[in-house]
């Protein structure tokens, strides 16, 4: 008997070199149907900019890999976004078993610039959006086992991030929530974990920053999106069914400080 099909939501997959896109490709290679989200309005404000047409290109690539795929523009800062996203993904793919919280809001701050609006913008996506989407996913999950919630963090518990106070506070909270939510939904057959991929070159590093970071990687290279994607595929698999409430720091031995 063939295994039951699996379907996943991956948030924040709007960039060619992004971790979200790499996760989509890796899960598709493992036979998982994909619904991914983008939010072009955010990318347009970032130094890397939006990539018009990329979602269609990625969707076509994933379908060519033999899985079903759909995508949508979703602003995860909106309070009603989780329900709308789950509705859209379920309509496109049917029952969902995997949620990957990869979308993030990060603009940099530091104590001189931090204000309420900046903190609220980070909170709305990184913590509130992640937690509301995760709990709504858990409430809708109807399987006896095999449910997976996986969130991306950035090692906030391992070292200081003085120029990203709002980001560190909200993403660090995701690490704490991961442990508590894992205990809350274990009886529903759902595991909850987080992945910290360390400094990962997705196009945001300039030459000076890359030169500064590279000597701190004992393997001689910075992290790649595919490194994070492989960990996510494992956590989404049946083999990881006994792994829950964990924050996996997969940084290639990165030396902090």
Protein backbone atom coordinates (compact mmCIF):
# COMPACT_ATOMS: atom_id res chain seq x y z
CA UNK A 1 0.00 0.00 0.00
CA UNK A 2 1.41 3.40 -0.96
CA UNK A 3 1.91 5.93 1.86
CA UNK A 4 -0.68 8.64 2.37
CA UNK A 5 0.19 11.88 0.57
CA UNK A 6 1.65 14.66 2.66
CA UNK A 7 0.95 18.35 2.19
CA UNK A 8 2.85 21.29 3.65
CA UNK A 9 2.61 25.03 4.09
CA UNK A 10 5.92 26.89 3.87
CA UNK A 11 5.72 30.60 4.64
CA UNK A 12 8.12 33.17 3.24
CA UNK A 13 9.32 31.53 0.02
CA UNK A 14 9.49 34.52 -2.31
CA UNK A 15 13.22 34.64 -3.08
CA UNK A 16 15.33 32.47 -5.38
CA UNK A 17 18.15 32.02 -2.85
CA UNK A 18 15.97 32.09 0.24
CA UNK A 19 15.66 29.40 2.87
CA UNK A 20 11.92 29.15 2.16
CA UNK A 21 12.45 28.27 -1.49
CA UNK A 22 15.14 25.73 -0.55
CA UNK A 23 12.72 24.09 1.90
CA UNK A 24 10.04 23.92 -0.79
CA UNK A 25 12.44 22.20 -3.18
CA UNK A 26 13.71 19.75 -0.56
CA UNK A 27 10.23 18.76 0.64
CA UNK A 28 9.02 18.39 -2.95
CA UNK A 29 11.95 16.08 -3.65
CA UNK A 30 10.68 14.02 -0.71
CA UNK A 31 7.23 13.78 -2.30
CA UNK A 32 5.45 16.44 -0.24
CA UNK A 33 2.79 18.63 -1.88
CA UNK A 34 3.51 22.32 -1.33
CA UNK A 35 1.60 25.51 -0.62
CA UNK A 36 4.00 28.41 -0.15
CA UNK A 37 3.48 32.04 0.72
CA UNK A 38 5.10 35.26 -0.39
CA UNK A 39 4.63 38.86 0.70
CA UNK A 40 6.01 41.09 -2.04
CA UNK A 41 5.19 44.33 -0.22
CA UNK A 42 7.79 43.46 2.44
CA UNK A 43 10.45 42.27 -0.01
CA UNK A 44 10.10 45.47 -2.04
CA UNK A 45 11.22 47.48 1.00
CA UNK A 46 14.26 45.31 1.68
CA UNK A 47 17.72 45.77 0.12
CA UNK A 48 17.32 42.59 -1.94
CA UNK A 49 13.99 43.72 -3.41
CA UNK A 50 11.07 41.65 -4.66
CA UNK A 51 11.47 39.13 -7.47
CA UNK A 52 8.47 39.59 -9.79
CA UNK A 53 7.51 36.34 -11.44
CA UNK A 54 9.54 34.13 -9.11
CA UNK A 55 6.56 32.50 -7.37
CA UNK A 56 5.29 31.20 -10.72
CA UNK A 57 8.77 29.95 -11.59
CA UNK A 58 9.13 28.14 -8.26
CA UNK A 59 5.64 26.63 -8.52
CA UNK A 60 6.40 25.31 -11.99
CA UNK A 61 9.70 23.86 -10.75
CA UNK A 62 7.96 22.05 -7.89
CA UNK A 63 5.23 20.66 -10.15
CA UNK A 64 7.93 19.41 -12.50
CA UNK A 65 9.33 17.51 -9.52
CA UNK A 66 6.07 15.56 -9.44
CA UNK A 67 4.12 17.18 -6.61
CA UNK A 68 1.09 19.43 -6.44
CA UNK A 69 1.84 23.07 -5.72
CA UNK A 70 -0.03 26.31 -5.12
CA UNK A 71 0.97 29.62 -3.63
CA UNK A 72 -0.45 32.93 -2.47
CA UNK A 73 0.35 36.42 -1.23
CA UNK A 74 -0.28 36.47 2.53
CA UNK A 75 0.51 39.25 4.99
CA UNK A 76 1.16 37.30 8.18
CA UNK A 77 0.93 40.51 10.22
CA UNK A 78 -2.82 40.56 9.62
CA UNK A 79 -4.80 38.96 12.48
CA UNK A 80 -7.01 37.04 10.05
CA UNK A 81 -4.07 35.79 7.96
CA UNK A 82 -3.75 32.34 9.62
CA UNK A 83 -7.33 31.31 8.89
CA UNK A 84 -7.20 32.67 5.34
CA UNK A 85 -3.91 30.89 4.66
CA UNK A 86 -5.10 27.57 6.02
CA UNK A 87 -8.32 27.84 4.02
CA UNK A 88 -6.42 28.57 0.80
CA UNK A 89 -3.91 25.76 1.33
CA UNK A 90 -6.57 23.21 2.26
CA UNK A 91 -8.67 24.14 -0.76
CA UNK A 92 -5.64 23.67 -3.02
CA UNK A 93 -4.13 20.53 -1.48
CA UNK A 94 -6.59 18.93 0.93
CA UNK A 95 -5.63 17.96 4.51
CA UNK A 96 -2.35 19.43 5.69
CA UNK A 97 0.23 17.65 7.82
CA UNK A 98 3.26 19.97 7.83
CA UNK A 99 3.65 23.65 8.69
CA UNK A 100 6.98 25.44 8.26
CA UNK A 101 7.08 28.92 9.79
CA UNK A 102 9.84 30.54 7.78
CA UNK A 103 8.46 34.02 7.04
CA UNK A 104 10.03 36.76 9.13
CA UNK A 105 10.14 40.50 9.65
CA UNK A 106 13.55 42.05 10.23
CA UNK A 107 14.58 45.65 9.66
CA UNK A 108 17.38 46.16 12.20
CA UNK A 109 17.12 48.65 15.02
CA UNK A 110 19.51 49.00 17.96
CA UNK A 111 18.55 50.79 21.15
CA UNK A 112 18.94 54.26 19.62
CA UNK A 113 16.21 53.66 17.04
CA UNK A 114 13.87 51.17 18.68
CA UNK A 115 10.33 52.44 19.17
CA UNK A 116 6.86 50.97 19.68
CA UNK A 117 5.98 50.84 15.99
CA UNK A 118 9.16 48.96 15.11
CA UNK A 119 8.68 46.48 17.95
CA UNK A 120 5.02 45.93 17.05
CA UNK A 121 5.87 45.26 13.39
CA UNK A 122 8.32 42.52 14.38
CA UNK A 123 5.94 41.07 16.95
CA UNK A 124 3.03 40.89 14.51
CA UNK A 125 4.85 38.58 12.10
CA UNK A 126 7.57 36.81 14.05
CA UNK A 127 5.64 35.90 17.19
CA UNK A 128 1.90 36.58 16.86
CA UNK A 129 1.72 35.39 13.25
CA UNK A 130 3.78 32.29 13.95
CA UNK A 131 1.87 31.34 17.10
CA UNK A 132 -1.60 31.99 15.67
CA UNK A 133 -0.81 30.04 12.51
CA UNK A 134 0.68 27.17 14.50
CA UNK A 135 -2.24 26.87 16.90
CA UNK A 136 -4.81 27.15 14.10
CA UNK A 137 -2.94 24.42 12.19
CA UNK A 138 -2.95 22.21 15.29
CA UNK A 139 -6.68 22.70 15.87
CA UNK A 140 -7.45 21.69 12.28
CA UNK A 141 -5.11 18.68 12.13
CA UNK A 142 -7.13 15.49 11.89
CA UNK A 143 -4.46 12.82 11.61
CA UNK A 144 -3.66 10.39 14.39
CA UNK A 145 0.06 11.10 13.97
CA UNK A 146 2.49 12.71 11.54
CA UNK A 147 1.64 16.34 12.23
CA UNK A 148 4.68 18.60 12.07
CA UNK A 149 5.20 22.25 13.06
CA UNK A 150 8.69 23.57 12.34
CA UNK A 151 9.79 27.17 12.90
CA UNK A 152 12.96 28.96 11.85
CA UNK A 153 14.91 30.94 14.45
CA UNK A 154 18.33 32.62 14.39
CA UNK A 155 20.27 31.60 17.48
CA UNK A 156 18.99 34.39 19.70
CA UNK A 157 19.64 32.25 22.78
CA UNK A 158 23.31 31.72 21.86
CA UNK A 159 24.65 35.24 21.62
CA UNK A 160 23.93 38.96 21.56
CA UNK A 161 22.28 40.71 18.60
CA UNK A 162 22.64 44.37 19.69
CA UNK A 163 21.54 45.85 16.38
CA UNK A 164 18.43 43.65 16.11
CA UNK A 165 16.70 44.00 19.46
CA UNK A 166 13.13 43.65 18.18
CA UNK A 167 14.06 40.73 15.95
CA UNK A 168 15.96 38.97 18.74
CA UNK A 169 13.13 39.47 21.23
CA UNK A 170 10.40 38.13 18.96
CA UNK A 171 12.31 35.27 17.37
CA UNK A 172 13.78 34.32 20.74
CA UNK A 173 10.23 34.01 22.00
CA UNK A 174 9.58 31.45 19.26
CA UNK A 175 12.23 29.21 20.84
CA UNK A 176 10.40 29.37 24.18
CA UNK A 177 6.98 28.84 22.59
CA UNK A 178 8.32 25.80 20.71
CA UNK A 179 8.83 23.86 23.93
CA UNK A 180 5.46 24.75 25.42
CA UNK A 181 3.45 24.22 22.25
CA UNK A 182 5.14 20.84 21.75
CA UNK A 183 3.81 19.70 25.12
CA UNK A 184 0.36 21.13 24.39
CA UNK A 185 -0.22 19.35 21.06
CA UNK A 186 1.70 16.10 21.52
CA UNK A 187 -1.53 14.27 22.26
CA UNK A 188 -2.86 15.31 18.85
CA UNK A 189 -0.02 13.51 17.06
CA UNK A 190 1.90 16.69 16.26
CA UNK A 191 5.57 17.41 16.90
CA UNK A 192 6.85 20.97 17.28
CA UNK A 193 10.47 21.93 16.71
CA UNK A 194 12.60 24.88 15.66
CA UNK A 195 15.71 25.17 13.52
CA UNK A 196 18.47 27.75 13.88
CA UNK A 197 20.56 27.57 10.68
CA UNK A 198 23.10 30.16 11.82
CA UNK A 199 24.40 32.85 9.45
CA UNK A 200 23.13 31.72 6.06
CA UNK A 201 24.05 33.37 2.77
CA UNK A 202 20.74 34.02 1.06
CA UNK A 203 21.92 37.16 -0.72
CA UNK A 204 21.81 39.58 2.19
CA UNK A 205 25.52 39.35 3.05
CA UNK A 206 27.77 41.93 1.47
CA UNK A 207 31.44 41.19 0.76
CA UNK A 208 32.66 42.82 3.98
CA UNK A 209 30.26 40.89 6.20
CA UNK A 210 31.02 37.63 4.44
CA UNK A 211 34.75 38.21 4.94
CA UNK A 212 34.16 38.88 8.63
CA UNK A 213 32.04 35.78 9.16
CA UNK A 214 33.94 33.25 7.08
CA UNK A 215 36.89 32.73 9.49
CA UNK A 216 34.39 31.80 12.20
CA UNK A 217 33.12 28.80 10.20
CA UNK A 218 35.53 25.89 10.80
CA UNK A 219 34.32 24.12 7.66
CA UNK A 220 35.47 27.03 5.51
CA UNK A 221 32.12 28.25 4.21
CA UNK A 222 29.02 30.08 5.39
CA UNK A 223 25.69 28.36 5.74
CA UNK A 224 23.64 27.67 2.61
CA UNK A 225 19.83 27.56 2.37
CA UNK A 226 20.03 23.87 1.50
CA UNK A 227 21.66 23.14 4.87
CA UNK A 228 18.57 24.38 6.70
CA UNK A 229 16.26 22.62 4.24
CA UNK A 230 17.80 19.22 4.96
CA UNK A 231 17.12 19.61 8.68
CA UNK A 232 13.52 20.61 7.98
CA UNK A 233 13.00 17.57 5.74
CA UNK A 234 14.25 15.31 8.53
CA UNK A 235 11.99 16.94 11.14
CA UNK A 236 9.03 16.60 8.77
CA UNK A 237 9.72 12.90 8.22
CA UNK A 238 8.42 9.83 9.99
CA UNK A 239 11.96 9.22 11.25
CA UNK A 240 11.68 12.31 13.46
CA UNK A 241 8.45 11.27 15.12
CA UNK A 242 10.15 11.04 18.54
CA UNK A 243 11.77 14.49 18.26
CA UNK A 244 9.67 17.31 19.69
CA UNK A 245 10.11 20.47 21.73
CA UNK A 246 13.65 20.91 20.42
CA UNK A 247 15.57 23.89 19.04
CA UNK A 248 18.18 22.46 16.69
CA UNK A 249 21.22 24.70 16.29
CA UNK A 250 22.63 23.63 12.92
CA UNK A 251 25.34 26.25 12.39
CA UNK A 252 28.25 24.27 10.98
CA UNK A 253 30.30 24.90 14.13
CA UNK A 254 30.00 28.71 13.83
CA UNK A 255 32.11 30.39 16.52
CA UNK A 256 30.39 33.35 18.20
CA UNK A 257 32.06 36.27 19.90
